Amino acid sequence: MTADARTAGASATDPASPPLTERQEARRRRILHASAQLASRGGFDAVQMREVAEAAGVALGTLYRYFPSKVHLLVATMQDQLQHMHTTLRKRPPAGERPAERVAETLMRAFRALQREPHLADAMVRALTFADRSVSPEVDTVSRLTTTIILDAMGLAGQPTPAQLSAVRVIEHTWHSALITWLSGRASIAQVKIDIETVCRLIDLTAPETP
């Protein structure tokens, strides 16, 4: 693997790594766009590395240097989609009065965004399910992004308490589980909303007591 490729692959998942060059970033953006487009049309099975490389205009070997497998690629695609959601949510923050209401609104907005692209959502969730230890950096980044989205919605004045962070982890797990059960046809949108609103009440229960 070349030094250029090592930098590109590491920077995609490790914030401490040197930033991508403009050319590397443009190449990575094309790859992720191609991955999302193929997944949107046919789900997990439609994302074939050779077709991604052709659609992105890169050599197959170059694609593998950036993303060693389809699972790596699709988890990185989920990271990219969450970053877009985060940007959108910051432009239009939730309007609920209580932190629990704001988080529930935020997660349902994110859920509805995924609902508009069910094949893409299914592909990304399947990749997360199939991910082994080699994909841990990408999976950890997805988790950190989800946590950040929830914490932003809470709108805390200071740092979250350990109890609040525990509640956030439970909420994150519930959101991913709800997405899986919906994609598999085992839960309706209405049930997902109930589950999300129910688990988000943990935020109010873990709020520090006012002196």
N, C-alpha and C. Protein backbone atom coordinates (compact mmCIF):
# COMPACT_ATOMS: atom_id res chain seq x y z
N MET A 1 0.85 -1.20 0.00
CA MET A 1 0.00 0.00 0.00
C MET A 1 0.88 1.25 0.00
N THR A 2 0.58 2.21 -0.80
CA THR A 2 1.38 3.42 -0.89
C THR A 2 1.12 4.32 0.30
N ALA A 3 2.05 5.27 0.53
CA ALA A 3 1.85 6.22 1.63
C ALA A 3 0.61 7.05 1.40
N ASP A 4 0.34 7.39 0.14
CA ASP A 4 -0.86 8.17 -0.20
C ASP A 4 -2.12 7.43 0.20
N ALA A 5 -2.15 6.14 -0.09
CA ALA A 5 -3.34 5.35 0.22
C ALA A 5 -3.50 5.16 1.71
N ARG A 6 -2.36 4.97 2.42
CA ARG A 6 -2.46 4.81 3.87
C ARG A 6 -3.03 6.07 4.51
N THR A 7 -2.58 7.22 4.03
CA THR A 7 -3.11 8.49 4.55
C THR A 7 -4.59 8.62 4.28
N ALA A 8 -5.01 8.27 3.05
CA ALA A 8 -6.42 8.38 2.68
C ALA A 8 -7.28 7.47 3.53
N GLY A 9 -6.85 6.21 3.69
CA GLY A 9 -7.66 5.26 4.45
C GLY A 9 -7.73 5.62 5.92
N ALA A 10 -6.58 6.06 6.49
CA ALA A 10 -6.57 6.39 7.92
C ALA A 10 -7.37 7.64 8.21
N SER A 11 -7.26 8.64 7.35
CA SER A 11 -7.94 9.90 7.61
C SER A 11 -9.44 9.76 7.56
N ALA A 12 -9.93 8.79 6.82
CA ALA A 12 -11.37 8.61 6.69
C ALA A 12 -12.00 8.18 8.00
N THR A 13 -11.19 7.56 8.90
CA THR A 13 -11.78 7.03 10.13
C THR A 13 -11.10 7.52 11.39
N ASP A 14 -9.91 8.13 11.27
CA ASP A 14 -9.15 8.53 12.44
C ASP A 14 -8.93 10.04 12.42
N PRO A 15 -9.60 10.77 13.31
CA PRO A 15 -9.49 12.23 13.31
C PRO A 15 -8.07 12.71 13.53
N ALA A 16 -7.20 11.87 14.16
CA ALA A 16 -5.84 12.28 14.46
C ALA A 16 -4.91 12.14 13.26
N SER A 17 -5.36 11.48 12.20
CA SER A 17 -4.54 11.28 11.02
C SER A 17 -4.45 12.56 10.21
N PRO A 18 -3.39 12.67 9.39
CA PRO A 18 -3.27 13.86 8.53
C PRO A 18 -4.50 13.99 7.64
N PRO A 19 -4.94 15.21 7.36
CA PRO A 19 -6.12 15.39 6.51
C PRO A 19 -5.84 14.93 5.09
N LEU A 20 -6.91 14.57 4.41
CA LEU A 20 -6.80 14.18 3.01
C LEU A 20 -6.42 15.38 2.17
N THR A 21 -5.68 15.12 1.11
CA THR A 21 -5.44 16.18 0.15
C THR A 21 -6.74 16.46 -0.60
N GLU A 22 -6.78 17.57 -1.30
CA GLU A 22 -7.98 17.92 -2.05
C GLU A 22 -8.33 16.83 -3.06
N ARG A 23 -7.31 16.30 -3.71
CA ARG A 23 -7.54 15.25 -4.71
C ARG A 23 -8.05 13.97 -4.06
N GLN A 24 -7.46 13.61 -2.92
CA GLN A 24 -7.90 12.41 -2.20
C GLN A 24 -9.34 12.55 -1.73
N GLU A 25 -9.65 13.72 -1.20
CA GLU A 25 -11.01 13.94 -0.70
C GLU A 25 -12.02 13.88 -1.83
N ALA A 26 -11.69 14.45 -2.98
CA ALA A 26 -12.60 14.41 -4.13
C ALA A 26 -12.81 12.97 -4.58
N ARG A 27 -11.75 12.19 -4.56
CA ARG A 27 -11.86 10.78 -4.96
C ARG A 27 -12.74 10.02 -3.97
N ARG A 28 -12.52 10.26 -2.69
CA ARG A 28 -13.32 9.58 -1.67
C ARG A 28 -14.80 9.98 -1.78
N ARG A 29 -15.07 11.26 -2.04
CA ARG A 29 -16.44 11.71 -2.19
C ARG A 29 -17.12 11.00 -3.36
N ARG A 30 -16.40 10.84 -4.46
CA ARG A 30 -16.98 10.14 -5.63
C ARG A 30 -17.29 8.70 -5.29
N ILE A 31 -16.40 8.06 -4.55
CA ILE A 31 -16.62 6.66 -4.18
C ILE A 31 -17.85 6.52 -3.29
N LEU A 32 -17.96 7.37 -2.28
CA LEU A 32 -19.11 7.30 -1.37
C LEU A 32 -20.41 7.62 -2.10
N HIS A 33 -20.36 8.57 -3.02
CA HIS A 33 -21.56 8.90 -3.80
C HIS A 33 -21.99 7.71 -4.65
N ALA A 34 -21.02 7.06 -5.28
CA ALA A 34 -21.34 5.90 -6.11
C ALA A 34 -21.91 4.77 -5.26
N SER A 35 -21.34 4.56 -4.09
CA SER A 35 -21.83 3.53 -3.18
C SER A 35 -23.28 3.79 -2.78
N ALA A 36 -23.58 5.03 -2.41
CA ALA A 36 -24.94 5.39 -2.00
C ALA A 36 -25.92 5.24 -3.16
N GLN A 37 -25.50 5.62 -4.35
CA GLN A 37 -26.38 5.52 -5.51
C GLN A 37 -26.72 4.07 -5.83
N LEU A 38 -25.72 3.21 -5.83
CA LEU A 38 -25.96 1.79 -6.12
C LEU A 38 -26.82 1.15 -5.03
N ALA A 39 -26.52 1.47 -3.78
CA ALA A 39 -27.31 0.91 -2.67
C ALA A 39 -28.75 1.39 -2.73
N SER A 40 -28.97 2.64 -3.12
CA SER A 40 -30.33 3.17 -3.21
C SER A 40 -31.16 2.42 -4.25
N ARG A 41 -30.51 1.94 -5.28
CA ARG A 41 -31.22 1.25 -6.35
C ARG A 41 -31.50 -0.21 -6.02
N GLY A 42 -30.58 -0.87 -5.32
CA GLY A 42 -30.76 -2.30 -5.13
C GLY A 42 -30.31 -2.88 -3.82
N GLY A 43 -30.00 -2.03 -2.85
CA GLY A 43 -29.63 -2.52 -1.54
C GLY A 43 -28.22 -3.08 -1.46
N PHE A 44 -27.99 -3.89 -0.46
CA PHE A 44 -26.65 -4.42 -0.15
C PHE A 44 -26.05 -5.17 -1.34
N ASP A 45 -26.83 -6.05 -1.94
CA ASP A 45 -26.30 -6.88 -3.02
C ASP A 45 -25.94 -6.09 -4.27
N ALA A 46 -26.53 -4.91 -4.43
CA ALA A 46 -26.27 -4.10 -5.62
C ALA A 46 -24.94 -3.37 -5.54
N VAL A 47 -24.35 -3.31 -4.36
CA VAL A 47 -23.07 -2.62 -4.19
C VAL A 47 -21.94 -3.62 -4.45
N GLN A 48 -21.49 -3.66 -5.67
CA GLN A 48 -20.37 -4.49 -6.07
C GLN A 48 -19.15 -3.60 -6.28
N MET A 49 -18.03 -4.00 -5.72
CA MET A 49 -16.86 -3.13 -5.72
C MET A 49 -16.45 -2.71 -7.14
N ARG A 50 -16.50 -3.61 -8.09
CA ARG A 50 -16.11 -3.25 -9.45
C ARG A 50 -17.05 -2.18 -10.01
N GLU A 51 -18.35 -2.32 -9.76
CA GLU A 51 -19.30 -1.33 -10.25
C GLU A 51 -19.13 0.01 -9.54
N VAL A 52 -18.80 -0.02 -8.25
CA VAL A 52 -18.55 1.22 -7.52
C VAL A 52 -17.35 1.94 -8.13
N ALA A 53 -16.28 1.17 -8.40
CA ALA A 53 -15.08 1.77 -8.98
C ALA A 53 -15.38 2.40 -10.33
N GLU A 54 -16.15 1.70 -11.16
CA GLU A 54 -16.48 2.23 -12.48
C GLU A 54 -17.32 3.50 -12.36
N ALA A 55 -18.31 3.48 -11.47
CA ALA A 55 -19.19 4.64 -11.30
C ALA A 55 -18.43 5.84 -10.73
N ALA A 56 -17.43 5.57 -9.88
CA ALA A 56 -16.66 6.65 -9.26
C ALA A 56 -15.50 7.12 -10.13
N GLY A 57 -15.21 6.36 -11.20
CA GLY A 57 -14.12 6.73 -12.07
C GLY A 57 -12.74 6.51 -11.47
N VAL A 58 -12.62 5.44 -10.66
CA VAL A 58 -11.33 5.10 -10.07
C VAL A 58 -10.99 3.65 -10.40
N ALA A 59 -9.72 3.32 -10.32
CA ALA A 59 -9.30 1.94 -10.55
C ALA A 59 -9.77 1.06 -9.40
N LEU A 60 -10.03 -0.21 -9.68
CA LEU A 60 -10.51 -1.12 -8.63
C LEU A 60 -9.50 -1.21 -7.49
N GLY A 61 -8.21 -1.26 -7.84
CA GLY A 61 -7.18 -1.32 -6.81
C GLY A 61 -7.19 -0.08 -5.91
N THR A 62 -7.46 1.07 -6.50
CA THR A 62 -7.55 2.31 -5.72
C THR A 62 -8.72 2.25 -4.75
N LEU A 63 -9.85 1.74 -5.21
CA LEU A 63 -11.03 1.61 -4.34
C LEU A 63 -10.70 0.74 -3.13
N TYR A 64 -10.03 -0.39 -3.37
CA TYR A 64 -9.69 -1.29 -2.27
C TYR A 64 -8.68 -0.67 -1.31
N ARG A 65 -7.86 0.25 -1.79
CA ARG A 65 -6.92 0.92 -0.88
C ARG A 65 -7.65 1.88 0.05
N TYR A 66 -8.72 2.48 -0.45
CA TYR A 66 -9.52 3.36 0.39
C TYR A 66 -10.44 2.55 1.31
N PHE A 67 -11.05 1.51 0.76
CA PHE A 67 -12.02 0.69 1.50
C PHE A 67 -11.72 -0.79 1.21
N PRO A 68 -11.17 -1.51 2.19
CA PRO A 68 -10.73 -2.89 1.97
C PRO A 68 -11.84 -3.88 1.62
N SER A 69 -13.09 -3.54 1.90
CA SER A 69 -14.20 -4.45 1.61
C SER A 69 -15.48 -3.67 1.41
N LYS A 70 -16.51 -4.36 0.93
CA LYS A 70 -17.81 -3.73 0.77
C LYS A 70 -18.39 -3.30 2.12
N VAL A 71 -18.13 -4.06 3.15
CA VAL A 71 -18.63 -3.70 4.48
C VAL A 71 -17.97 -2.40 4.95
N HIS A 72 -16.65 -2.29 4.77
CA HIS A 72 -15.97 -1.04 5.11
C HIS A 72 -16.61 0.13 4.36
N LEU A 73 -16.85 -0.08 3.08
CA LEU A 73 -17.39 0.98 2.24
C LEU A 73 -18.79 1.41 2.69
N LEU A 74 -19.64 0.45 2.97
CA LEU A 74 -21.02 0.79 3.34
C LEU A 74 -21.13 1.38 4.74
N VAL A 75 -20.26 0.96 5.65
CA VAL A 75 -20.26 1.60 6.96
C VAL A 75 -19.77 3.04 6.83
N ALA A 76 -18.76 3.26 5.98
CA ALA A 76 -18.30 4.63 5.71
C ALA A 76 -19.40 5.44 5.03
N THR A 77 -20.20 4.78 4.20
CA THR A 77 -21.33 5.46 3.56
C THR A 77 -22.34 5.89 4.60
N MET A 78 -22.58 5.05 5.60
CA MET A 78 -23.50 5.43 6.68
C MET A 78 -22.93 6.62 7.46
N GLN A 79 -21.64 6.60 7.71
CA GLN A 79 -21.00 7.73 8.37
C GLN A 79 -21.24 9.01 7.57
N ASP A 80 -21.08 8.93 6.27
CA ASP A 80 -21.27 10.09 5.41
C ASP A 80 -22.71 10.57 5.44
N GLN A 81 -23.67 9.64 5.42
CA GLN A 81 -25.08 10.01 5.46
C GLN A 81 -25.43 10.68 6.79
N LEU A 82 -24.87 10.16 7.89
CA LEU A 82 -25.14 10.76 9.20
C LEU A 82 -24.55 12.16 9.29
N GLN A 83 -23.39 12.37 8.66
CA GLN A 83 -22.80 13.71 8.66
C GLN A 83 -23.70 14.70 7.93
N HIS A 84 -24.28 14.26 6.81
CA HIS A 84 -25.22 15.11 6.09
C HIS A 84 -26.44 15.42 6.96
N MET A 85 -26.96 14.38 7.64
CA MET A 85 -28.11 14.57 8.52
C MET A 85 -27.78 15.57 9.63
N HIS A 86 -26.59 15.42 10.20
CA HIS A 86 -26.18 16.29 11.30
C HIS A 86 -26.14 17.75 10.85
N THR A 87 -25.63 17.98 9.66
CA THR A 87 -25.58 19.33 9.12
C THR A 87 -26.99 19.90 8.96
N THR A 88 -27.89 19.07 8.41
CA THR A 88 -29.27 19.50 8.21
C THR A 88 -29.96 19.80 9.53
N LEU A 89 -29.73 18.92 10.52
CA LEU A 89 -30.37 19.09 11.82
C LEU A 89 -29.87 20.35 12.53
N ARG A 90 -28.61 20.69 12.33
CA ARG A 90 -28.08 21.90 12.94
C ARG A 90 -28.69 23.16 12.32
N LYS A 91 -29.01 23.07 11.04
CA LYS A 91 -29.63 24.21 10.38
C LYS A 91 -31.08 24.37 10.82
N ARG A 92 -31.73 23.24 11.12
CA ARG A 92 -33.12 23.27 11.57
C ARG A 92 -33.25 22.47 12.86
N PRO A 93 -32.79 23.03 13.98
CA PRO A 93 -32.80 22.28 15.24
C PRO A 93 -34.22 21.97 15.71
N PRO A 94 -34.36 20.92 16.52
CA PRO A 94 -35.69 20.56 17.03
C PRO A 94 -36.25 21.65 17.93
N ALA A 95 -37.58 21.71 18.00
CA ALA A 95 -38.23 22.82 18.69
C ALA A 95 -38.87 22.43 20.03
N GLY A 96 -38.70 21.19 20.46
CA GLY A 96 -39.33 20.76 21.71
C GLY A 96 -38.82 21.52 22.92
N GLU A 97 -39.65 21.62 23.94
CA GLU A 97 -39.27 22.36 25.15
C GLU A 97 -38.32 21.56 26.03
N ARG A 98 -38.54 20.25 26.13
CA ARG A 98 -37.70 19.42 26.99
C ARG A 98 -36.67 18.66 26.16
N PRO A 99 -35.50 18.34 26.76
CA PRO A 99 -34.47 17.59 26.03
C PRO A 99 -35.00 16.29 25.43
N ALA A 100 -35.84 15.56 26.19
CA ALA A 100 -36.37 14.30 25.69
C ALA A 100 -37.20 14.50 24.43
N GLU A 101 -37.98 15.57 24.40
CA GLU A 101 -38.80 15.87 23.22
C GLU A 101 -37.93 16.20 22.01
N ARG A 102 -36.86 16.97 22.25
CA ARG A 102 -35.98 17.37 21.16
C ARG A 102 -35.23 16.19 20.59
N VAL A 103 -34.79 15.30 21.45
CA VAL A 103 -34.07 14.12 20.97
C VAL A 103 -35.01 13.21 20.18
N ALA A 104 -36.21 12.99 20.69
CA ALA A 104 -37.17 12.14 19.98
C ALA A 104 -37.49 12.72 18.61
N GLU A 105 -37.69 14.05 18.54
CA GLU A 105 -37.97 14.69 17.26
C GLU A 105 -36.79 14.53 16.30
N THR A 106 -35.58 14.71 16.82
CA THR A 106 -34.38 14.59 15.99
C THR A 106 -34.23 13.19 15.42
N LEU A 107 -34.39 12.19 16.28
CA LEU A 107 -34.21 10.81 15.82
C LEU A 107 -35.30 10.39 14.84
N MET A 108 -36.50 10.90 15.03
CA MET A 108 -37.55 10.57 14.07
C MET A 108 -37.32 11.28 12.74
N ARG A 109 -36.77 12.48 12.75
CA ARG A 109 -36.43 13.14 11.50
C ARG A 109 -35.34 12.37 10.78
N ALA A 110 -34.35 11.89 11.52
CA ALA A 110 -33.29 11.08 10.92
C ALA A 110 -33.86 9.77 10.38
N PHE A 111 -34.78 9.19 11.14
CA PHE A 111 -35.41 7.94 10.71
C PHE A 111 -36.19 8.14 9.41
N ARG A 112 -36.92 9.24 9.32
CA ARG A 112 -37.72 9.49 8.12
C ARG A 112 -36.83 9.75 6.91
N ALA A 113 -35.66 10.34 7.15
CA ALA A 113 -34.71 10.53 6.05
C ALA A 113 -34.25 9.18 5.51
N LEU A 114 -33.99 8.23 6.40
CA LEU A 114 -33.61 6.89 5.98
C LEU A 114 -34.80 6.16 5.34
N GLN A 115 -35.99 6.46 5.85
CA GLN A 115 -37.20 5.83 5.31
C GLN A 115 -37.40 6.17 3.84
N ARG A 116 -36.96 7.36 3.44
CA ARG A 116 -37.11 7.76 2.04
C ARG A 116 -36.18 6.97 1.12
N GLU A 117 -35.14 6.35 1.68
CA GLU A 117 -34.21 5.54 0.91
C GLU A 117 -34.08 4.16 1.56
N PRO A 118 -35.14 3.34 1.52
CA PRO A 118 -35.12 2.08 2.27
C PRO A 118 -34.04 1.11 1.82
N HIS A 119 -33.74 1.05 0.52
CA HIS A 119 -32.69 0.14 0.05
C HIS A 119 -31.33 0.57 0.58
N LEU A 120 -31.07 1.87 0.57
CA LEU A 120 -29.82 2.39 1.11
C LEU A 120 -29.73 2.12 2.61
N ALA A 121 -30.81 2.39 3.33
CA ALA A 121 -30.83 2.15 4.78
C ALA A 121 -30.56 0.69 5.08
N ASP A 122 -31.19 -0.20 4.33
CA ASP A 122 -31.01 -1.63 4.55
C ASP A 122 -29.56 -2.03 4.30
N ALA A 123 -28.96 -1.51 3.23
CA ALA A 123 -27.57 -1.84 2.91
C ALA A 123 -26.64 -1.40 4.02
N MET A 124 -26.83 -0.21 4.52
CA MET A 124 -25.94 0.31 5.56
C MET A 124 -26.11 -0.44 6.87
N VAL A 125 -27.35 -0.75 7.23
CA VAL A 125 -27.59 -1.48 8.47
C VAL A 125 -27.04 -2.90 8.37
N ARG A 126 -27.19 -3.54 7.22
CA ARG A 126 -26.63 -4.88 7.04
C ARG A 126 -25.12 -4.84 7.16
N ALA A 127 -24.50 -3.81 6.63
CA ALA A 127 -23.04 -3.69 6.75
C ALA A 127 -22.63 -3.56 8.21
N LEU A 128 -23.37 -2.77 8.99
CA LEU A 128 -23.07 -2.65 10.41
C LEU A 128 -23.21 -4.00 11.11
N THR A 129 -24.21 -4.77 10.71
CA THR A 129 -24.44 -6.08 11.31
C THR A 129 -23.32 -7.05 10.96
N PHE A 130 -22.82 -6.98 9.73
CA PHE A 130 -21.77 -7.90 9.28
C PHE A 130 -20.37 -7.47 9.72
N ALA A 131 -20.22 -6.25 10.20
CA ALA A 131 -18.89 -5.71 10.50
C ALA A 131 -18.17 -6.52 11.57
N ASP A 132 -16.90 -6.85 11.28
CA ASP A 132 -16.08 -7.54 12.27
C ASP A 132 -15.09 -6.54 12.87
N ARG A 133 -14.08 -7.04 13.58
CA ARG A 133 -13.16 -6.14 14.27
C ARG A 133 -12.38 -5.25 13.31
N SER A 134 -12.17 -5.70 12.09
CA SER A 134 -11.41 -4.90 11.14
C SER A 134 -12.14 -3.61 10.76
N VAL A 135 -13.43 -3.58 11.01
CA VAL A 135 -14.24 -2.41 10.66
C VAL A 135 -14.53 -1.56 11.90
N SER A 136 -13.91 -1.89 13.02
CA SER A 136 -14.19 -1.18 14.28
C SER A 136 -14.02 0.32 14.19
N PRO A 137 -12.96 0.84 13.54
CA PRO A 137 -12.83 2.31 13.48
C PRO A 137 -14.02 2.98 12.79
N GLU A 138 -14.50 2.39 11.70
CA GLU A 138 -15.64 2.95 10.98
C GLU A 138 -16.91 2.85 11.81
N VAL A 139 -17.11 1.70 12.46
CA VAL A 139 -18.29 1.51 13.31
C VAL A 139 -18.27 2.49 14.49
N ASP A 140 -17.08 2.67 15.08
CA ASP A 140 -16.95 3.61 16.20
C ASP A 140 -17.28 5.03 15.76
N THR A 141 -16.90 5.38 14.54
CA THR A 141 -17.19 6.73 14.04
C THR A 141 -18.69 6.92 13.86
N VAL A 142 -19.38 5.90 13.35
CA VAL A 142 -20.84 5.96 13.23
C VAL A 142 -21.47 6.15 14.61
N SER A 143 -20.97 5.42 15.59
CA SER A 143 -21.51 5.53 16.95
C SER A 143 -21.27 6.92 17.52
N ARG A 144 -20.06 7.46 17.31
CA ARG A 144 -19.76 8.79 17.83
C ARG A 144 -20.64 9.85 17.18
N LEU A 145 -20.88 9.71 15.89
CA LEU A 145 -21.74 10.67 15.20
C LEU A 145 -23.16 10.62 15.74
N THR A 146 -23.66 9.41 15.95
CA THR A 146 -25.01 9.26 16.50
C THR A 146 -25.10 9.89 17.88
N THR A 147 -24.07 9.64 18.70
CA THR A 147 -24.02 10.22 20.04
C THR A 147 -24.00 11.75 19.98
N THR A 148 -23.22 12.30 19.06
CA THR A 148 -23.13 13.75 18.92
C THR A 148 -24.47 14.35 18.50
N ILE A 149 -25.16 13.67 17.59
CA ILE A 149 -26.47 14.15 17.15
C ILE A 149 -27.44 14.19 18.33
N ILE A 150 -27.40 13.16 19.17
CA ILE A 150 -28.30 13.11 20.33
C ILE A 150 -27.94 14.21 21.34
N LEU A 151 -26.65 14.35 21.62
CA LEU A 151 -26.22 15.36 22.59
C LEU A 151 -26.54 16.77 22.10
N ASP A 152 -26.36 17.01 20.81
CA ASP A 152 -26.72 18.32 20.26
C ASP A 152 -28.20 18.61 20.47
N ALA A 153 -29.02 17.60 20.23
CA ALA A 153 -30.47 17.78 20.39
C ALA A 153 -30.84 18.04 21.85
N MET A 154 -30.10 17.45 22.77
CA MET A 154 -30.39 17.66 24.20
C MET A 154 -30.18 19.12 24.58
N GLY A 155 -29.20 19.79 23.96
CA GLY A 155 -28.96 21.20 24.23
C GLY A 155 -28.52 21.47 25.65
N LEU A 156 -27.57 20.66 26.14
CA LEU A 156 -27.11 20.82 27.52
C LEU A 156 -26.28 22.09 27.67
N ALA A 157 -26.38 22.69 28.86
CA ALA A 157 -25.60 23.90 29.13
C ALA A 157 -24.14 23.57 29.40
N GLY A 158 -23.89 22.39 29.95
CA GLY A 158 -22.52 21.96 30.25
C GLY A 158 -22.27 20.56 29.75
N GLN A 159 -21.28 19.90 30.34
CA GLN A 159 -20.94 18.54 29.95
C GLN A 159 -21.99 17.55 30.47
N PRO A 160 -22.30 16.50 29.70
CA PRO A 160 -23.26 15.51 30.17
C PRO A 160 -22.72 14.73 31.36
N THR A 161 -23.60 14.34 32.24
CA THR A 161 -23.20 13.53 33.39
C THR A 161 -23.03 12.08 32.95
N PRO A 162 -22.36 11.24 33.75
CA PRO A 162 -22.25 9.81 33.41
C PRO A 162 -23.63 9.16 33.21
N ALA A 163 -24.59 9.56 34.02
CA ALA A 163 -25.94 8.99 33.88
C ALA A 163 -26.56 9.39 32.55
N GLN A 164 -26.35 10.64 32.14
CA GLN A 164 -26.89 11.10 30.86
C GLN A 164 -26.21 10.38 29.70
N LEU A 165 -24.90 10.15 29.79
CA LEU A 165 -24.19 9.42 28.73
C LEU A 165 -24.68 7.98 28.64
N SER A 166 -24.99 7.39 29.78
CA SER A 166 -25.55 6.03 29.76
C SER A 166 -26.90 6.02 29.08
N ALA A 167 -27.72 7.04 29.37
CA ALA A 167 -29.03 7.15 28.72
C ALA A 167 -28.87 7.32 27.22
N VAL A 168 -27.89 8.11 26.81
CA VAL A 168 -27.65 8.32 25.38
C VAL A 168 -27.28 7.00 24.69
N ARG A 169 -26.45 6.20 25.36
CA ARG A 169 -26.06 4.90 24.77
C ARG A 169 -27.28 3.99 24.60
N VAL A 170 -28.16 3.97 25.60
CA VAL A 170 -29.37 3.15 25.50
C VAL A 170 -30.27 3.66 24.36
N ILE A 171 -30.38 4.98 24.25
CA ILE A 171 -31.19 5.57 23.18
C ILE A 171 -30.61 5.22 21.82
N GLU A 172 -29.29 5.31 21.69
CA GLU A 172 -28.64 4.97 20.43
C GLU A 172 -28.91 3.52 20.04
N HIS A 173 -28.75 2.61 21.01
CA HIS A 173 -29.01 1.19 20.73
C HIS A 173 -30.46 0.96 20.32
N THR A 174 -31.37 1.65 21.00
CA THR A 174 -32.79 1.49 20.68
C THR A 174 -33.10 2.00 19.28
N TRP A 175 -32.49 3.13 18.91
CA TRP A 175 -32.72 3.69 17.58
C TRP A 175 -32.25 2.73 16.49
N HIS A 176 -31.06 2.17 16.67
CA HIS A 176 -30.55 1.22 15.68
C HIS A 176 -31.41 -0.04 15.64
N SER A 177 -31.84 -0.50 16.81
CA SER A 177 -32.70 -1.68 16.86
C SER A 177 -34.03 -1.42 16.18
N ALA A 178 -34.59 -0.23 16.42
CA ALA A 178 -35.86 0.13 15.79
C ALA A 178 -35.72 0.17 14.27
N LEU A 179 -34.58 0.67 13.80
CA LEU A 179 -34.33 0.72 12.37
C LEU A 179 -34.28 -0.69 11.78
N ILE A 180 -33.63 -1.60 12.49
CA ILE A 180 -33.53 -2.99 12.02
C ILE A 180 -34.90 -3.64 11.98
N THR A 181 -35.69 -3.48 13.05
CA THR A 181 -37.01 -4.13 13.09
C THR A 181 -37.95 -3.55 12.03
N TRP A 182 -37.82 -2.24 11.75
CA TRP A 182 -38.64 -1.65 10.70
C TRP A 182 -38.24 -2.18 9.33
N LEU A 183 -36.94 -2.24 9.07
CA LEU A 183 -36.46 -2.72 7.78
C LEU A 183 -36.85 -4.17 7.53
N SER A 184 -36.94 -4.95 8.60
CA SER A 184 -37.30 -6.36 8.45
C SER A 184 -38.81 -6.57 8.43
N GLY A 185 -39.57 -5.48 8.52
CA GLY A 185 -41.02 -5.58 8.47
C GLY A 185 -41.66 -6.02 9.77
N ARG A 186 -40.90 -5.97 10.88
CA ARG A 186 -41.43 -6.42 12.16
C ARG A 186 -41.93 -5.28 13.05
N ALA A 187 -41.85 -4.05 12.54
CA ALA A 187 -42.35 -2.91 13.31
C ALA A 187 -42.85 -1.85 12.34
N SER A 188 -43.94 -1.21 12.70
CA SER A 188 -44.48 -0.12 11.89
C SER A 188 -43.80 1.19 12.27
N ILE A 189 -44.00 2.22 11.44
CA ILE A 189 -43.47 3.54 11.75
C ILE A 189 -44.06 4.04 13.07
N ALA A 190 -45.35 3.77 13.27
CA ALA A 190 -46.01 4.20 14.51
C ALA A 190 -45.36 3.56 15.73
N GLN A 191 -45.01 2.26 15.62
CA GLN A 191 -44.38 1.58 16.74
C GLN A 191 -42.98 2.11 16.98
N VAL A 192 -42.26 2.39 15.90
CA VAL A 192 -40.93 2.97 16.03
C VAL A 192 -41.00 4.29 16.80
N LYS A 193 -41.98 5.12 16.46
CA LYS A 193 -42.14 6.42 17.12
C LYS A 193 -42.41 6.24 18.62
N ILE A 194 -43.26 5.29 18.94
CA ILE A 194 -43.56 5.02 20.35
C ILE A 194 -42.30 4.57 21.09
N ASP A 195 -41.54 3.67 20.49
CA ASP A 195 -40.32 3.16 21.13
C ASP A 195 -39.30 4.27 21.34
N ILE A 196 -39.13 5.12 20.32
CA ILE A 196 -38.17 6.21 20.43
C ILE A 196 -38.59 7.20 21.52
N GLU A 197 -39.86 7.57 21.52
CA GLU A 197 -40.33 8.53 22.52
C GLU A 197 -40.22 7.95 23.93
N THR A 198 -40.48 6.65 24.05
CA THR A 198 -40.41 6.00 25.37
C THR A 198 -38.98 6.00 25.90
N VAL A 199 -38.03 5.60 25.07
CA VAL A 199 -36.65 5.52 25.55
C VAL A 199 -36.05 6.91 25.79
N CYS A 200 -36.51 7.90 25.05
CA CYS A 200 -35.98 9.25 25.24
C CYS A 200 -36.37 9.85 26.59
N ARG A 201 -37.38 9.28 27.23
CA ARG A 201 -37.76 9.77 28.56
C ARG A 201 -36.66 9.53 29.58
N LEU A 202 -35.72 8.63 29.25
CA LEU A 202 -34.58 8.41 30.14
C LEU A 202 -33.79 9.70 30.35
N ILE A 203 -33.79 10.56 29.33
CA ILE A 203 -33.03 11.81 29.42
C ILE A 203 -33.56 12.66 30.56
N ASP A 204 -34.87 12.78 30.67
CA ASP A 204 -35.46 13.58 31.75
C ASP A 204 -35.20 12.94 33.11
N LEU A 205 -35.19 11.61 33.13
CA LEU A 205 -34.97 10.91 34.40
C LEU A 205 -33.54 11.06 34.90
N THR A 206 -32.60 11.28 33.97
CA THR A 206 -31.19 11.38 34.36
C THR A 206 -30.71 12.82 34.49
N ALA A 207 -31.61 13.78 34.31
CA ALA A 207 -31.22 15.19 34.43
C ALA A 207 -30.81 15.51 35.87
N PRO A 208 -29.71 16.24 36.05
CA PRO A 208 -29.26 16.59 37.41
C PRO A 208 -30.34 17.39 38.14
N GLU A 209 -30.46 17.13 39.42
CA GLU A 209 -31.45 17.86 40.22
C GLU A 209 -31.02 19.31 40.41
N THR A 210 -31.99 20.21 40.29
CA THR A 210 -31.70 21.64 40.48
C THR A 210 -31.62 21.93 41.98
N PRO A 211 -30.53 22.57 42.43
CA PRO A 211 -30.42 22.86 43.87
C PRO A 211 -31.55 23.75 44.36
